[in-house]
Amino acid sequence: MKIHESAENYLETIFMLQNRKPSVRSIDIVNELGFSKPSVSVAMKNLRNNGYITMDPDGYITLTPSGREIAEKMYERHTFLSTWLTDLGVAPDVAAKDACRIEHVISAESFSAIKRFASRISS
């Protein structure tokens, strides 16, 4: 199943928040992304309905195994591409913005090739 870029961004954000805090609620995502509460609420409902997150009765969000897999993949791509672009001389803020867009459209094959190439150059 094809997942939309916005869903990938939400999952990555939940993953990053879970690495910083013991628990995550929708309001944390609102504060992190600057989106409206209703927008985040709709997104969380869609992620829940698609099996990417669970939400307990108190509103605490947990990534399911499939949601975590997507989130970790996006996070790896984002951090690698941001660092790589910065190492190439791109300003850090530009590198982060570009990485955020590239991470969603690059194929697994191309991403792996870039990682292999970068590791050969840095060796």
N, C-alpha and C. Protein backbone atom coordinates (compact mmCIF):
# COMPACT_ATOMS: atom_id res chain seq x y z
N MET A 1 0.84 -1.19 0.00
CA MET A 1 0.00 0.00 0.00
C MET A 1 0.88 1.25 0.00
N LYS A 2 0.53 2.22 -0.81
CA LYS A 2 1.25 3.48 -0.91
C LYS A 2 0.81 4.38 0.23
N ILE A 3 1.77 4.90 0.98
CA ILE A 3 1.46 5.82 2.07
C ILE A 3 1.77 7.24 1.61
N HIS A 4 0.95 8.17 2.00
CA HIS A 4 1.12 9.56 1.57
C HIS A 4 2.24 10.24 2.36
N GLU A 5 2.84 11.24 1.73
CA GLU A 5 3.93 11.99 2.34
C GLU A 5 3.53 12.56 3.69
N SER A 6 2.32 13.09 3.79
CA SER A 6 1.89 13.68 5.06
C SER A 6 1.84 12.63 6.17
N ALA A 7 1.38 11.42 5.85
CA ALA A 7 1.36 10.34 6.84
C ALA A 7 2.78 9.98 7.27
N GLU A 8 3.69 9.93 6.30
CA GLU A 8 5.09 9.65 6.63
C GLU A 8 5.65 10.72 7.56
N ASN A 9 5.31 11.98 7.30
CA ASN A 9 5.78 13.07 8.16
C ASN A 9 5.23 12.94 9.58
N TYR A 10 3.95 12.61 9.69
CA TYR A 10 3.36 12.43 11.02
C TYR A 10 4.03 11.27 11.76
N LEU A 11 4.23 10.16 11.08
CA LEU A 11 4.86 9.00 11.73
C LEU A 11 6.28 9.33 12.17
N GLU A 12 7.02 10.02 11.32
CA GLU A 12 8.39 10.42 11.67
C GLU A 12 8.38 11.36 12.88
N THR A 13 7.42 12.28 12.91
CA THR A 13 7.31 13.21 14.04
C THR A 13 6.99 12.47 15.33
N ILE A 14 6.07 11.53 15.27
CA ILE A 14 5.74 10.73 16.46
C ILE A 14 6.99 9.99 16.93
N PHE A 15 7.72 9.39 16.00
CA PHE A 15 8.94 8.66 16.33
C PHE A 15 9.95 9.58 17.03
N MET A 16 10.17 10.76 16.48
CA MET A 16 11.13 11.70 17.07
C MET A 16 10.67 12.14 18.46
N LEU A 17 9.37 12.42 18.60
CA LEU A 17 8.85 12.82 19.90
C LEU A 17 8.99 11.70 20.92
N GLN A 18 8.73 10.45 20.50
CA GLN A 18 8.86 9.32 21.42
C GLN A 18 10.30 9.12 21.87
N ASN A 19 11.25 9.56 21.05
CA ASN A 19 12.66 9.47 21.45
C ASN A 19 13.04 10.56 22.44
N ARG A 20 12.23 11.61 22.53
CA ARG A 20 12.52 12.73 23.43
C ARG A 20 11.68 12.72 24.69
N LYS A 21 10.50 12.10 24.63
CA LYS A 21 9.56 12.15 25.74
C LYS A 21 9.06 10.75 26.08
N PRO A 22 8.63 10.56 27.30
CA PRO A 22 8.13 9.22 27.67
C PRO A 22 6.80 8.87 27.02
N SER A 23 6.00 9.88 26.67
CA SER A 23 4.71 9.61 26.04
C SER A 23 4.36 10.76 25.09
N VAL A 24 3.55 10.43 24.10
CA VAL A 24 3.19 11.40 23.07
C VAL A 24 1.67 11.45 22.94
N ARG A 25 1.15 12.67 22.87
CA ARG A 25 -0.27 12.90 22.63
C ARG A 25 -0.41 13.81 21.42
N SER A 26 -1.61 13.93 20.92
CA SER A 26 -1.86 14.77 19.74
C SER A 26 -1.38 16.20 19.93
N ILE A 27 -1.55 16.75 21.12
CA ILE A 27 -1.14 18.13 21.37
C ILE A 27 0.37 18.30 21.19
N ASP A 28 1.14 17.26 21.47
CA ASP A 28 2.59 17.33 21.26
C ASP A 28 2.90 17.46 19.78
N ILE A 29 2.13 16.78 18.96
CA ILE A 29 2.31 16.85 17.50
C ILE A 29 1.89 18.22 17.00
N VAL A 30 0.79 18.75 17.53
CA VAL A 30 0.35 20.11 17.19
C VAL A 30 1.48 21.10 17.47
N ASN A 31 2.06 21.00 18.66
CA ASN A 31 3.12 21.92 19.06
C ASN A 31 4.38 21.75 18.23
N GLU A 32 4.70 20.53 17.88
CA GLU A 32 5.91 20.24 17.11
C GLU A 32 5.80 20.73 15.67
N LEU A 33 4.66 20.49 15.06
CA LEU A 33 4.51 20.80 13.64
C LEU A 33 3.84 22.15 13.37
N GLY A 34 3.17 22.69 14.38
CA GLY A 34 2.48 23.96 14.20
C GLY A 34 1.19 23.85 13.40
N PHE A 35 0.63 22.64 13.34
CA PHE A 35 -0.63 22.42 12.64
C PHE A 35 -1.78 22.64 13.61
N SER A 36 -2.99 22.78 13.08
CA SER A 36 -4.16 22.97 13.94
C SER A 36 -4.53 21.65 14.62
N LYS A 37 -5.19 21.78 15.75
CA LYS A 37 -5.66 20.58 16.47
C LYS A 37 -6.58 19.73 15.61
N PRO A 38 -7.55 20.33 14.91
CA PRO A 38 -8.43 19.51 14.06
C PRO A 38 -7.67 18.76 12.97
N SER A 39 -6.67 19.39 12.36
CA SER A 39 -5.89 18.73 11.31
C SER A 39 -5.14 17.52 11.87
N VAL A 40 -4.53 17.69 13.02
CA VAL A 40 -3.79 16.59 13.64
C VAL A 40 -4.75 15.49 14.08
N SER A 41 -5.91 15.87 14.58
CA SER A 41 -6.91 14.89 15.00
C SER A 41 -7.35 14.01 13.82
N VAL A 42 -7.61 14.62 12.69
CA VAL A 42 -8.00 13.87 11.49
C VAL A 42 -6.86 12.95 11.05
N ALA A 43 -5.63 13.47 11.08
CA ALA A 43 -4.48 12.66 10.67
C ALA A 43 -4.31 11.46 11.60
N MET A 44 -4.48 11.67 12.91
CA MET A 44 -4.32 10.56 13.86
C MET A 44 -5.41 9.51 13.63
N LYS A 45 -6.61 9.96 13.32
CA LYS A 45 -7.70 9.01 13.02
C LYS A 45 -7.34 8.17 11.80
N ASN A 46 -6.83 8.83 10.75
CA ASN A 46 -6.44 8.10 9.54
C ASN A 46 -5.29 7.12 9.82
N LEU A 47 -4.31 7.56 10.60
CA LEU A 47 -3.19 6.67 10.93
C LEU A 47 -3.67 5.47 11.76
N ARG A 48 -4.60 5.72 12.66
CA ARG A 48 -5.18 4.64 13.47
C ARG A 48 -5.95 3.67 12.58
N ASN A 49 -6.79 4.21 11.70
CA ASN A 49 -7.60 3.36 10.82
C ASN A 49 -6.75 2.53 9.86
N ASN A 50 -5.57 3.03 9.52
CA ASN A 50 -4.67 2.30 8.62
C ASN A 50 -3.69 1.40 9.37
N GLY A 51 -3.80 1.36 10.69
CA GLY A 51 -2.99 0.45 11.48
C GLY A 51 -1.56 0.90 11.75
N TYR A 52 -1.30 2.22 11.65
CA TYR A 52 0.06 2.72 11.88
C TYR A 52 0.30 3.17 13.31
N ILE A 53 -0.77 3.51 14.02
CA ILE A 53 -0.66 3.91 15.42
C ILE A 53 -1.81 3.30 16.22
N THR A 54 -1.60 3.27 17.52
CA THR A 54 -2.69 2.98 18.43
C THR A 54 -2.80 4.18 19.37
N MET A 55 -3.98 4.36 19.94
CA MET A 55 -4.18 5.45 20.88
C MET A 55 -4.98 4.89 22.05
N ASP A 56 -4.45 5.06 23.26
CA ASP A 56 -5.16 4.52 24.42
C ASP A 56 -6.28 5.49 24.83
N PRO A 57 -7.11 5.10 25.79
CA PRO A 57 -8.24 5.95 26.19
C PRO A 57 -7.83 7.33 26.70
N ASP A 58 -6.59 7.47 27.17
CA ASP A 58 -6.11 8.77 27.64
C ASP A 58 -5.48 9.61 26.53
N GLY A 59 -5.47 9.08 25.29
CA GLY A 59 -4.96 9.83 24.16
C GLY A 59 -3.48 9.66 23.89
N TYR A 60 -2.84 8.70 24.56
CA TYR A 60 -1.42 8.47 24.33
C TYR A 60 -1.23 7.63 23.07
N ILE A 61 -0.31 8.08 22.23
CA ILE A 61 -0.09 7.50 20.91
C ILE A 61 1.12 6.57 20.94
N THR A 62 0.96 5.41 20.31
CA THR A 62 2.05 4.45 20.15
C THR A 62 2.11 4.02 18.70
N LEU A 63 3.30 3.95 18.16
CA LEU A 63 3.47 3.44 16.80
C LEU A 63 3.29 1.93 16.80
N THR A 64 2.57 1.41 15.84
CA THR A 64 2.50 -0.04 15.64
C THR A 64 3.78 -0.48 14.95
N PRO A 65 4.06 -1.77 14.86
CA PRO A 65 5.27 -2.20 14.15
C PRO A 65 5.36 -1.65 12.72
N SER A 66 4.24 -1.63 12.00
CA SER A 66 4.31 -1.10 10.62
C SER A 66 4.51 0.41 10.63
N GLY A 67 3.91 1.11 11.58
CA GLY A 67 4.12 2.55 11.69
C GLY A 67 5.54 2.89 12.07
N ARG A 68 6.11 2.10 13.00
CA ARG A 68 7.50 2.31 13.42
C ARG A 68 8.46 2.06 12.26
N GLU A 69 8.19 1.05 11.47
CA GLU A 69 9.06 0.73 10.33
C GLU A 69 9.12 1.92 9.35
N ILE A 70 7.98 2.49 9.05
CA ILE A 70 7.93 3.65 8.15
C ILE A 70 8.63 4.84 8.79
N ALA A 71 8.34 5.09 10.06
CA ALA A 71 8.93 6.23 10.77
C ALA A 71 10.46 6.12 10.82
N GLU A 72 10.96 4.95 11.12
CA GLU A 72 12.42 4.76 11.18
C GLU A 72 13.06 4.94 9.82
N LYS A 73 12.38 4.48 8.78
CA LYS A 73 12.91 4.64 7.42
C LYS A 73 12.98 6.12 7.05
N MET A 74 11.93 6.87 7.34
CA MET A 74 11.92 8.30 7.04
C MET A 74 12.98 9.03 7.86
N TYR A 75 13.10 8.68 9.12
CA TYR A 75 14.08 9.33 10.00
C TYR A 75 15.50 9.05 9.52
N GLU A 76 15.78 7.81 9.14
CA GLU A 76 17.11 7.47 8.63
C GLU A 76 17.41 8.27 7.37
N ARG A 77 16.47 8.29 6.46
CA ARG A 77 16.68 9.03 5.21
C ARG A 77 16.91 10.51 5.51
N HIS A 78 16.08 11.08 6.37
CA HIS A 78 16.19 12.50 6.68
C HIS A 78 17.55 12.84 7.30
N THR A 79 17.93 12.08 8.31
CA THR A 79 19.19 12.40 8.99
C THR A 79 20.39 12.17 8.07
N PHE A 80 20.38 11.08 7.31
CA PHE A 80 21.48 10.82 6.40
C PHE A 80 21.58 11.91 5.33
N LEU A 81 20.46 12.21 4.68
CA LEU A 81 20.47 13.19 3.59
C LEU A 81 20.83 14.59 4.10
N SER A 82 20.34 14.96 5.27
CA SER A 82 20.68 16.27 5.84
C SER A 82 22.18 16.38 6.07
N THR A 83 22.74 15.35 6.67
CA THR A 83 24.18 15.34 6.96
C THR A 83 24.99 15.34 5.67
N TRP A 84 24.59 14.50 4.74
CA TRP A 84 25.31 14.38 3.47
C TRP A 84 25.30 15.70 2.71
N LEU A 85 24.14 16.33 2.61
CA LEU A 85 24.05 17.61 1.91
C LEU A 85 24.87 18.69 2.62
N THR A 86 24.85 18.70 3.94
CA THR A 86 25.66 19.65 4.70
C THR A 86 27.14 19.41 4.44
N ASP A 87 27.53 18.13 4.42
CA ASP A 87 28.93 17.79 4.13
C ASP A 87 29.35 18.22 2.73
N LEU A 88 28.39 18.29 1.81
CA LEU A 88 28.67 18.75 0.45
C LEU A 88 28.74 20.27 0.35
N GLY A 89 28.46 20.96 1.46
CA GLY A 89 28.56 22.41 1.47
C GLY A 89 27.24 23.14 1.45
N VAL A 90 26.13 22.43 1.51
CA VAL A 90 24.81 23.06 1.55
C VAL A 90 24.58 23.60 2.96
N ALA A 91 24.01 24.79 3.06
CA ALA A 91 23.70 25.38 4.37
C ALA A 91 22.80 24.42 5.15
N PRO A 92 23.05 24.27 6.45
CA PRO A 92 22.27 23.30 7.24
C PRO A 92 20.76 23.47 7.16
N ASP A 93 20.26 24.69 7.15
CA ASP A 93 18.80 24.87 7.09
C ASP A 93 18.25 24.46 5.72
N VAL A 94 19.00 24.75 4.66
CA VAL A 94 18.59 24.34 3.32
C VAL A 94 18.68 22.82 3.20
N ALA A 95 19.76 22.24 3.73
CA ALA A 95 19.94 20.78 3.68
C ALA A 95 18.79 20.07 4.38
N ALA A 96 18.37 20.57 5.53
CA ALA A 96 17.28 19.95 6.28
C ALA A 96 15.96 20.03 5.49
N LYS A 97 15.69 21.19 4.89
CA LYS A 97 14.46 21.35 4.10
C LYS A 97 14.48 20.44 2.87
N ASP A 98 15.62 20.41 2.18
CA ASP A 98 15.72 19.56 0.99
C ASP A 98 15.60 18.09 1.37
N ALA A 99 16.27 17.69 2.44
CA ALA A 99 16.20 16.29 2.88
C ALA A 99 14.77 15.89 3.20
N CYS A 100 14.02 16.81 3.78
CA CYS A 100 12.63 16.52 4.14
C CYS A 100 11.78 16.24 2.90
N ARG A 101 12.10 16.87 1.81
CA ARG A 101 11.35 16.62 0.57
C ARG A 101 11.87 15.37 -0.14
N ILE A 102 13.19 15.23 -0.20
CA ILE A 102 13.80 14.10 -0.92
C ILE A 102 13.44 12.77 -0.28
N GLU A 103 13.40 12.74 1.05
CA GLU A 103 13.20 11.47 1.77
C GLU A 103 11.92 10.76 1.36
N HIS A 104 10.95 11.49 0.86
CA HIS A 104 9.66 10.90 0.51
C HIS A 104 9.59 10.39 -0.92
N VAL A 105 10.45 10.88 -1.78
CA VAL A 105 10.34 10.53 -3.19
C VAL A 105 11.47 9.63 -3.69
N ILE A 106 12.55 9.55 -2.95
CA ILE A 106 13.68 8.73 -3.39
C ILE A 106 13.35 7.25 -3.22
N SER A 107 13.74 6.47 -4.20
CA SER A 107 13.49 5.02 -4.11
C SER A 107 14.47 4.39 -3.13
N ALA A 108 14.11 3.22 -2.66
CA ALA A 108 15.01 2.47 -1.77
C ALA A 108 16.31 2.15 -2.49
N GLU A 109 16.23 1.83 -3.78
CA GLU A 109 17.41 1.51 -4.57
C GLU A 109 18.36 2.71 -4.66
N SER A 110 17.83 3.87 -4.98
CA SER A 110 18.67 5.07 -5.09
C SER A 110 19.24 5.48 -3.74
N PHE A 111 18.44 5.39 -2.68
CA PHE A 111 18.93 5.75 -1.36
C PHE A 111 20.07 4.83 -0.95
N SER A 112 19.93 3.54 -1.18
CA SER A 112 21.00 2.59 -0.86
C SER A 112 22.26 2.89 -1.66
N ALA A 113 22.10 3.23 -2.93
CA ALA A 113 23.26 3.54 -3.78
C ALA A 113 23.98 4.79 -3.27
N ILE A 114 23.23 5.80 -2.87
CA ILE A 114 23.84 7.02 -2.33
C ILE A 114 24.60 6.71 -1.04
N LYS A 115 23.99 5.90 -0.17
CA LYS A 115 24.66 5.54 1.09
C LYS A 115 25.95 4.76 0.80
N ARG A 116 25.92 3.83 -0.15
CA ARG A 116 27.13 3.07 -0.49
C ARG A 116 28.21 4.01 -1.05
N PHE A 117 27.81 4.90 -1.93
CA PHE A 117 28.75 5.85 -2.53
C PHE A 117 29.36 6.75 -1.45
N ALA A 118 28.53 7.26 -0.58
CA ALA A 118 29.02 8.14 0.49
C ALA A 118 29.97 7.42 1.43
N SER A 119 29.70 6.16 1.71
CA SER A 119 30.59 5.42 2.61
C SER A 119 31.93 5.13 1.95
N ARG A 120 31.95 4.92 0.64
CA ARG A 120 33.22 4.71 -0.08
C ARG A 120 34.06 5.98 -0.08
N ILE A 121 33.42 7.12 -0.24
CA ILE A 121 34.14 8.39 -0.28
C ILE A 121 34.69 8.75 1.09
N SER A 122 33.94 8.47 2.14
CA SER A 122 34.38 8.86 3.47
C SER A 122 35.38 7.88 4.08
N SER A 123 35.60 6.75 3.41
CA SER A 123 36.54 5.74 3.95
C SER A 123 37.97 6.14 3.69
